[in-house]
């Protein structure tokens, strides 16, 4: 009887090229990397590229939740040193008797 014997291809060159692309183009996932490899002349299929991409640990993290997206770039607030250096605004909205809405802003000045 004859049985199929699996012959795994050596994919060291493919691994190094995928790693190079992932380092230079940080936000590229395996799909875009696959397209770049195709343009360069590589004939590996999408499943092989995906497998190598995952084995190398290059998979992109999921998007940051919206609630903490603003907090990622927030800087420490400087403390007010003198008078009129700390300002803030409050917005108040309400509706008139005929359901038209209006907004008012109220500035606040806090002494340092």
Protein backbone atom coordinates (compact mmCIF):
# COMPACT_ATOMS: atom_id res chain seq x y z
CA UNK A 1 0.00 0.00 0.00
CA UNK A 2 1.02 3.53 -0.66
CA UNK A 3 0.38 6.34 1.75
CA UNK A 4 0.95 10.03 1.31
CA UNK A 5 4.03 11.20 3.16
CA UNK A 6 3.91 14.86 4.09
CA UNK A 7 6.89 16.92 2.90
CA UNK A 8 6.86 20.22 4.75
CA UNK A 9 8.57 22.98 2.82
CA UNK A 10 11.27 25.02 4.46
CA UNK A 11 9.80 28.47 5.11
CA UNK A 12 12.74 30.24 6.74
CA UNK A 13 13.04 32.77 3.91
CA UNK A 14 9.31 33.45 4.00
CA UNK A 15 9.42 33.91 7.79
CA UNK A 16 12.23 36.44 7.60
CA UNK A 17 10.53 38.38 4.79
CA UNK A 18 7.19 38.50 6.68
CA UNK A 19 9.03 39.69 9.81
CA UNK A 20 10.81 42.44 7.80
CA UNK A 21 7.54 43.68 6.32
CA UNK A 22 5.78 43.58 9.69
CA UNK A 23 8.57 45.62 11.30
CA UNK A 24 8.60 48.30 8.59
CA UNK A 25 4.81 48.46 8.18
CA UNK A 26 3.56 48.14 11.74
CA UNK A 27 -0.20 48.37 11.14
CA UNK A 28 -0.26 45.82 8.31
CA UNK A 29 -2.06 42.58 9.02
CA UNK A 30 -1.44 39.28 7.29
CA UNK A 31 -3.77 40.18 4.40
CA UNK A 32 -1.80 43.24 3.37
CA UNK A 33 1.48 41.43 3.91
CA UNK A 34 0.21 38.64 1.64
CA UNK A 35 -0.53 41.18 -1.10
CA UNK A 36 2.96 42.70 -0.77
CA UNK A 37 4.53 39.23 -0.97
CA UNK A 38 2.53 38.48 -4.13
CA UNK A 39 3.75 41.70 -5.71
CA UNK A 40 7.33 40.72 -4.88
CA UNK A 41 6.87 37.38 -6.63
CA UNK A 42 6.26 34.96 -3.76
CA UNK A 43 3.84 32.18 -4.74
CA UNK A 44 2.83 31.04 -1.25
CA UNK A 45 -0.90 30.94 -0.59
CA UNK A 46 -2.79 32.98 1.98
CA UNK A 47 -3.14 30.07 4.41
CA UNK A 48 0.64 29.57 4.61
CA UNK A 49 1.24 33.30 5.10
CA UNK A 50 -1.40 33.36 7.86
CA UNK A 51 0.12 30.32 9.60
CA UNK A 52 3.64 31.77 9.56
CA UNK A 53 2.33 35.19 10.62
CA UNK A 54 0.60 33.70 13.66
CA UNK A 55 3.56 31.48 14.58
CA UNK A 56 5.85 34.51 14.56
CA UNK A 57 3.50 36.26 17.01
CA UNK A 58 2.90 39.20 14.69
CA UNK A 59 -0.90 39.23 14.91
CA UNK A 60 -2.28 42.72 15.47
CA UNK A 61 -3.99 43.56 18.72
CA UNK A 62 -7.66 44.31 18.51
CA UNK A 63 -8.67 47.95 18.48
CA UNK A 64 -8.53 49.88 21.72
CA UNK A 65 -11.99 50.42 23.20
CA UNK A 66 -13.34 53.91 22.53
CA UNK A 67 -13.65 54.75 26.22
CA UNK A 68 -9.91 54.52 26.75
CA UNK A 69 -8.77 55.86 23.36
CA UNK A 70 -8.83 59.44 24.66
CA UNK A 71 -7.02 58.43 27.84
CA UNK A 72 -4.09 56.99 25.90
CA UNK A 73 -2.90 60.42 24.72
CA UNK A 74 -3.85 62.40 27.82
CA UNK A 75 -1.06 64.31 29.51
CA UNK A 76 -0.69 65.32 33.13
CA UNK A 77 -2.46 68.60 33.82
CA UNK A 78 -0.18 71.45 34.83
CA UNK A 79 -1.05 73.01 38.19
CA UNK A 80 -2.08 76.66 38.16
CA UNK A 81 0.58 78.87 39.70
CA UNK A 82 -1.02 82.32 39.63
CA UNK A 83 -4.41 83.97 39.31
CA UNK A 84 -6.66 83.22 36.33
CA UNK A 85 -4.54 80.35 35.06
CA UNK A 86 -7.07 77.54 35.48
CA UNK A 87 -10.17 77.84 33.32
CA UNK A 88 -13.01 75.46 32.64
CA UNK A 89 -16.31 75.58 30.74
CA UNK A 90 -19.67 74.09 31.57
CA UNK A 91 -22.30 73.58 28.91
CA UNK A 92 -25.96 73.66 29.84
CA UNK A 93 -28.69 72.68 27.41
CA UNK A 94 -32.44 72.93 27.73
CA UNK A 95 -35.57 73.07 25.59
CA UNK A 96 -38.12 75.83 25.15
CA UNK A 97 -41.88 75.31 25.36
CA UNK A 98 -42.02 74.69 21.58
CA UNK A 99 -39.27 71.99 21.80
CA UNK A 100 -36.50 74.15 20.32
CA UNK A 101 -33.24 73.34 22.05
CA UNK A 102 -30.60 75.81 23.16
CA UNK A 103 -27.18 75.60 24.79
CA UNK A 104 -25.36 78.01 27.07
CA UNK A 105 -21.74 77.96 28.16
CA UNK A 106 -20.65 79.10 31.60
CA UNK A 107 -16.95 79.87 32.09
CA UNK A 108 -15.35 79.19 35.47
CA UNK A 109 -12.10 80.74 36.66
CA UNK A 110 -10.33 79.07 39.54
CA UNK A 111 -7.53 80.82 41.31
CA UNK A 112 -4.32 78.81 41.26
